[in-house]
Amino acid sequence: MNHLAANTPSTWILPDHLKRKLEKHPLGRNLFITNIGRYPENTAREPGEVKASPVYTLLYSAHGKGWLEVGKKRTVIKTNQYLIIPANTTFRSGPSPDDPWRLYSVQFSGLLADDIYRYLGTALKPHTIPPLVGRNAQFDDILHHLDLMNNIENLLYANFRFYSFLGTFRLTVFNYMKHGAENIIERCITLMKQQLDKHLTLADLSRETGFSASYLSALFKEKTRYSPIQLFTSLRMQKASQLLRETDFTVKEIAGEMGYPDQYTFSRSFKLIMGVSPKTFRDKL
């Protein structure tokens, strides 16, 4: 069974070695995303923290309803409502069975995280906000740039965008300038995300986009500082991270889901991108 079907959750987890870089960076240390996810309505997931984590968690329902459970208290979160869960809080959350939410979830930390929490509301109760044009597009843009591998410029850009995204929860008017047609890199990334369980090559990308392999390679290195296949490997490892976090599949099974011939080849690729082995990654959850 292929578990990489369309409309599955899209998530990203900050590797430990990049977290250490951001904590030391003069611009990155103030506020940075450690975990981010978009969960469509048809996704029966229950995001939460079974062990208290030193990060804040933003839950935003763009459509439908869900619930948050802290201790014995359960709170309903409706369409166009959000709340922020304090750091070091154990919680569970999930979709309403009759009207499941489209959930946008972000965990964040940094020197300004406490101030952001106080700014957006400290009470563990839902805040109702207007549906603003561009808010969800900003979220997608953040995810898009976090996907662009271990590039500190992309990490900083995504976290700068996160400031703007958070600002939409307090503004009543928000103007968002959408870009025009997707550029070549975005087209390639879309193709990559559709084939994460395949052994995609540069020749495949060249054939499907109509651009030469040499041109694509040069363009990616200029814009992202990485080759197309390095980026594709990063996207696959982020998906593998999601499977390690949210399923009970063995490392061997996940290697198969990601199109790797064996778990050893997969484990080497995973450690190269995430900084730890798949087993160590899962043990730390």
Protein backbone atom coordinates (compact mmCIF):
# COMPACT_ATOMS: atom_id res chain seq x y z
CA MET A 1 0.00 0.00 0.00
CA ASN A 2 1.33 3.43 -0.91
CA HIS A 3 0.92 5.80 2.02
CA LEU A 4 2.10 8.83 0.02
CA ALA A 5 -1.27 9.55 -1.52
CA ALA A 6 -2.45 13.01 -2.39
CA ASN A 7 -3.98 15.21 0.30
CA THR A 8 -1.88 13.68 3.05
CA PRO A 9 -0.45 15.98 5.74
CA SER A 10 2.51 18.15 4.79
CA THR A 11 4.97 18.56 7.65
CA TRP A 12 8.53 19.71 8.35
CA ILE A 13 10.74 19.13 11.41
CA LEU A 14 13.82 21.19 12.27
CA PRO A 15 16.89 18.92 12.51
CA ASP A 16 18.92 19.33 15.71
CA HIS A 17 22.07 20.54 13.95
CA LEU A 18 20.11 23.34 12.25
CA LYS A 19 18.41 24.21 15.52
CA ARG A 20 21.84 24.75 17.07
CA LYS A 21 22.79 27.01 14.14
CA LEU A 22 19.66 29.12 14.52
CA GLU A 23 20.11 29.41 18.29
CA LYS A 24 23.53 30.96 17.67
CA HIS A 25 22.56 33.10 14.67
CA PRO A 26 22.08 36.81 15.52
CA LEU A 27 18.93 36.96 13.35
CA GLY A 28 17.69 33.41 13.65
CA ARG A 29 17.76 32.99 17.42
CA ASN A 30 14.89 35.36 18.17
CA LEU A 31 12.10 33.25 16.68
CA PHE A 32 12.25 30.01 14.74
CA ILE A 33 9.96 27.15 13.75
CA THR A 34 10.79 23.71 15.13
CA ASN A 35 7.83 21.80 13.68
CA ILE A 36 5.17 22.79 11.19
CA GLY A 37 2.30 20.91 9.60
CA ARG A 38 -0.77 21.31 7.43
CA TYR A 39 -3.48 18.69 7.99
CA PRO A 40 -6.33 18.51 5.42
CA GLU A 41 -9.91 17.74 6.40
CA ASN A 42 -9.68 14.15 5.23
CA THR A 43 -6.74 13.41 7.53
CA ALA A 44 -7.52 11.56 10.74
CA ARG A 45 -4.53 12.81 12.75
CA GLU A 46 -4.27 13.79 16.39
CA PRO A 47 -1.29 16.15 16.74
CA GLY A 48 -0.04 16.53 20.28
CA GLU A 49 2.81 16.30 22.76
CA VAL A 50 2.83 13.18 24.91
CA LYS A 51 5.88 14.58 26.68
CA ALA A 52 6.04 18.23 27.66
CA SER A 53 8.19 20.10 25.12
CA PRO A 54 9.93 23.49 25.64
CA VAL A 55 8.23 25.03 22.59
CA TYR A 56 4.99 26.90 22.01
CA THR A 57 2.33 25.38 19.74
CA LEU A 58 -0.04 27.37 17.52
CA LEU A 59 -3.19 25.57 16.36
CA TYR A 60 -5.27 27.33 13.70
CA SER A 61 -8.44 25.90 12.18
CA ALA A 62 -8.97 27.36 8.71
CA HIS A 63 -12.11 25.28 8.21
CA GLY A 64 -14.19 22.84 10.24
CA LYS A 65 -13.81 22.03 13.91
CA GLY A 66 -11.39 20.24 16.20
CA TRP A 67 -10.56 19.87 19.85
CA LEU A 68 -7.70 20.45 22.28
CA GLU A 69 -7.26 18.41 25.44
CA VAL A 70 -4.98 19.60 28.24
CA GLY A 71 -5.26 17.47 31.34
CA LYS A 72 -8.96 16.71 31.81
CA LYS A 73 -10.16 19.86 30.04
CA ARG A 74 -11.31 19.65 26.42
CA THR A 75 -11.75 22.81 24.33
CA VAL A 76 -13.49 23.03 20.95
CA ILE A 77 -11.73 25.02 18.19
CA LYS A 78 -13.98 26.17 15.34
CA THR A 79 -13.46 27.62 11.86
CA ASN A 80 -11.28 30.78 11.89
CA GLN A 81 -10.17 30.23 15.47
CA TYR A 82 -6.71 29.76 16.91
CA LEU A 83 -5.01 29.30 20.23
CA ILE A 84 -1.45 28.98 21.46
CA ILE A 85 -0.44 26.23 23.86
CA PRO A 86 2.26 27.24 26.39
CA ALA A 87 5.67 25.64 26.36
CA ASN A 88 6.19 22.56 28.53
CA THR A 89 2.55 21.54 28.19
CA THR A 90 1.36 18.00 27.51
CA PHE A 91 -1.65 18.01 25.20
CA ARG A 92 -3.69 16.16 22.61
CA SER A 93 -5.74 17.55 19.74
CA GLY A 94 -7.81 16.13 16.93
CA PRO A 95 -10.53 16.74 14.32
CA SER A 96 -14.25 16.80 15.04
CA PRO A 97 -15.76 13.57 13.67
CA ASP A 98 -18.76 15.34 12.10
CA ASP A 99 -16.95 18.42 10.73
CA PRO A 100 -13.17 17.77 10.68
CA TRP A 101 -10.91 20.77 10.63
CA ARG A 102 -8.28 21.88 8.16
CA LEU A 103 -5.53 22.38 10.70
CA TYR A 104 -2.45 24.57 10.46
CA SER A 105 -0.03 23.79 13.27
CA VAL A 106 3.30 25.42 14.16
CA GLN A 107 5.66 24.80 17.05
CA PHE A 108 8.15 27.58 17.68
CA SER A 109 10.90 28.69 20.01
CA GLY A 110 13.47 31.46 20.34
CA LEU A 111 14.32 34.45 22.51
CA LEU A 112 11.09 36.24 21.55
CA ALA A 113 8.80 33.21 21.84
CA ASP A 114 7.51 34.28 25.28
CA ASP A 115 6.71 37.76 23.94
CA ILE A 116 4.90 36.32 20.91
CA TYR A 117 2.84 34.17 23.25
CA ARG A 118 1.86 37.15 25.38
CA TYR A 119 1.13 39.24 22.28
CA LEU A 120 -1.26 36.72 20.74
CA GLY A 121 -3.06 35.70 23.92
CA THR A 122 -1.99 33.67 26.92
CA ALA A 123 -5.35 32.17 27.89
CA LEU A 124 -5.89 28.61 26.72
CA LYS A 125 -9.04 29.57 24.90
CA PRO A 126 -9.82 29.98 21.18
CA HIS A 127 -9.54 33.42 19.60
CA THR A 128 -11.81 34.15 16.62
CA ILE A 129 -10.19 35.98 13.70
CA PRO A 130 -11.39 37.11 10.24
CA PRO A 131 -10.50 34.91 7.24
CA LEU A 132 -7.82 37.04 5.60
CA VAL A 133 -6.72 36.64 1.99
CA GLY A 134 -3.16 35.39 1.88
CA ARG A 135 -2.79 33.96 5.40
CA ASN A 136 -2.80 30.35 4.21
CA ALA A 137 -0.67 31.28 1.19
CA GLN A 138 1.93 32.64 3.60
CA PHE A 139 1.87 29.35 5.47
CA ASP A 140 2.43 27.46 2.22
CA ASP A 141 5.30 29.79 1.36
CA ILE A 142 6.90 29.09 4.74
CA LEU A 143 6.62 25.34 4.17
CA HIS A 144 7.97 25.75 0.65
CA HIS A 145 11.13 27.49 1.82
CA LEU A 146 11.66 25.14 4.75
CA ASP A 147 11.69 22.35 2.17
CA LEU A 148 14.70 23.97 0.47
CA MET A 149 17.17 21.93 2.47
CA ASN A 150 19.98 23.08 4.81
CA ASN A 151 20.23 26.58 3.43
CA ILE A 152 20.45 29.12 6.25
CA GLU A 153 19.09 31.85 3.97
CA ASN A 154 15.94 29.82 3.32
CA LEU A 155 15.53 29.04 7.02
CA LEU A 156 15.87 32.72 7.89
CA TYR A 157 13.43 33.70 5.14
CA ALA A 158 10.86 31.17 6.35
CA ASN A 159 11.15 32.38 9.92
CA PHE A 160 10.93 36.03 8.85
CA ARG A 161 7.73 35.07 7.01
CA PHE A 162 6.56 33.45 10.21
CA TYR A 163 6.59 36.88 11.89
CA SER A 164 4.28 38.13 9.13
CA PHE A 165 2.06 35.05 9.38
CA LEU A 166 1.66 35.57 13.12
CA GLY A 167 0.85 39.23 12.52
CA THR A 168 -2.26 38.24 10.56
CA PHE A 169 -3.79 36.92 13.78
CA ARG A 170 -3.97 40.46 15.15
CA LEU A 171 -4.56 42.53 12.02
CA THR A 172 -8.06 43.23 10.69
CA VAL A 173 -6.85 44.21 7.22
CA PHE A 174 -4.12 42.40 5.37
CA ASN A 175 -2.91 42.83 1.83
CA TYR A 176 -0.98 40.01 0.26
CA MET A 177 0.66 40.35 -3.12
CA LYS A 178 0.56 37.01 -4.86
CA HIS A 179 3.30 36.12 -7.26
CA GLY A 180 2.53 35.24 -10.85
CA ALA A 181 2.98 31.86 -12.47
CA GLU A 182 5.14 29.27 -10.72
CA ASN A 183 8.78 29.49 -11.61
CA ILE A 184 10.84 26.58 -12.83
CA ILE A 185 12.12 25.61 -9.39
CA GLU A 186 8.59 25.55 -7.97
CA ARG A 187 7.47 23.37 -10.86
CA CYS A 188 10.30 20.96 -10.15
CA ILE A 189 9.51 20.85 -6.45
CA THR A 190 5.87 20.08 -7.26
CA LEU A 191 7.02 17.18 -9.43
CA MET A 192 9.35 16.01 -6.68
CA LYS A 193 6.60 16.02 -4.05
CA GLN A 194 4.40 13.93 -6.32
CA GLN A 195 7.09 11.26 -6.62
CA LEU A 196 8.68 11.00 -3.19
CA ASP A 197 8.36 7.21 -3.30
CA LYS A 198 10.25 7.01 -6.61
CA HIS A 199 13.91 7.08 -7.62
CA LEU A 200 13.66 10.42 -9.40
CA THR A 201 16.70 11.46 -11.44
CA LEU A 202 17.88 14.71 -12.99
CA ALA A 203 17.10 13.20 -16.39
CA ASP A 204 13.51 12.58 -15.24
CA LEU A 205 13.13 16.22 -14.19
CA SER A 206 14.65 17.37 -17.46
CA ARG A 207 12.24 15.26 -19.48
CA GLU A 208 9.14 16.28 -17.48
CA THR A 209 9.91 20.02 -17.45
CA GLY A 210 11.34 20.33 -20.95
CA PHE A 211 14.53 22.00 -19.70
CA SER A 212 18.00 20.56 -20.12
CA ALA A 213 19.61 18.78 -17.18
CA SER A 214 22.56 21.17 -17.21
CA TYR A 215 20.26 24.20 -17.10
CA LEU A 216 18.21 22.79 -14.20
CA SER A 217 21.33 21.90 -12.27
CA ALA A 218 22.85 25.36 -12.74
CA LEU A 219 19.57 27.08 -11.85
CA PHE A 220 19.11 25.12 -8.63
CA LYS A 221 22.67 25.72 -7.51
CA GLU A 222 22.31 29.44 -8.21
CA LYS A 223 18.98 29.83 -6.41
CA THR A 224 19.15 27.22 -3.64
CA ARG A 225 22.88 26.36 -3.49
CA TYR A 226 21.97 22.70 -3.85
CA SER A 227 21.47 20.35 -6.76
CA PRO A 228 17.96 19.20 -7.72
CA ILE A 229 18.67 15.68 -6.45
CA GLN A 230 20.02 16.96 -3.13
CA LEU A 231 16.79 18.88 -2.68
CA PHE A 232 14.73 15.85 -3.71
CA THR A 233 16.56 13.74 -1.11
CA SER A 234 15.79 16.37 1.53
CA LEU A 235 12.08 16.29 0.66
CA ARG A 236 12.06 12.51 0.89
CA MET A 237 13.72 12.59 4.31
CA GLN A 238 11.17 15.11 5.58
CA LYS A 239 8.42 12.73 4.49
CA ALA A 240 10.32 9.88 6.15
CA SER A 241 10.50 11.99 9.33
CA GLN A 242 6.73 12.34 9.23
CA LEU A 243 6.30 8.56 8.88
CA LEU A 244 8.73 7.92 11.75
CA ARG A 245 6.81 10.39 13.91
CA GLU A 246 3.25 9.45 13.04
CA THR A 247 3.28 5.71 12.21
CA ASP A 248 4.51 2.46 13.68
CA PHE A 249 6.20 1.37 10.44
CA THR A 250 9.62 -0.16 10.86
CA VAL A 251 12.66 1.57 9.37
CA LYS A 252 12.74 -1.13 6.70
CA GLU A 253 9.08 -0.50 5.82
CA ILE A 254 9.62 3.25 5.64
CA ALA A 255 12.65 2.71 3.41
CA GLY A 256 10.39 0.76 1.08
CA GLU A 257 7.71 3.46 1.19
CA MET A 258 10.33 6.02 0.17
CA GLY A 259 11.52 3.90 -2.76
CA TYR A 260 14.87 2.85 -1.30
CA PRO A 261 16.23 -0.62 -2.16
CA ASP A 262 17.19 -1.35 1.47
CA GLN A 263 17.11 0.27 4.91
CA TYR A 264 20.88 0.80 5.02
CA THR A 265 20.93 3.06 1.96
CA PHE A 266 17.89 4.86 3.35
CA SER A 267 19.47 5.28 6.80
CA ARG A 268 22.62 6.83 5.31
CA SER A 269 20.54 9.36 3.36
CA PHE A 270 18.41 10.12 6.43
CA LYS A 271 21.41 10.76 8.67
CA LEU A 272 23.03 12.96 6.00
CA ILE A 273 19.95 15.25 5.94
CA MET A 274 18.56 15.03 9.49
CA GLY A 275 21.86 14.64 11.37
CA VAL A 276 20.82 11.45 13.20
CA SER A 277 19.84 7.92 12.25
CA PRO A 278 16.15 7.04 11.78
CA LYS A 279 16.22 4.99 15.01
CA THR A 280 17.75 7.83 17.01
CA PHE A 281 15.24 10.28 15.53
CA ARG A 282 12.30 8.08 16.58
CA ASP A 283 13.76 7.35 20.04
CA LYS A 284 13.94 11.11 20.75
CA LEU A 285 10.24 11.71 20.02
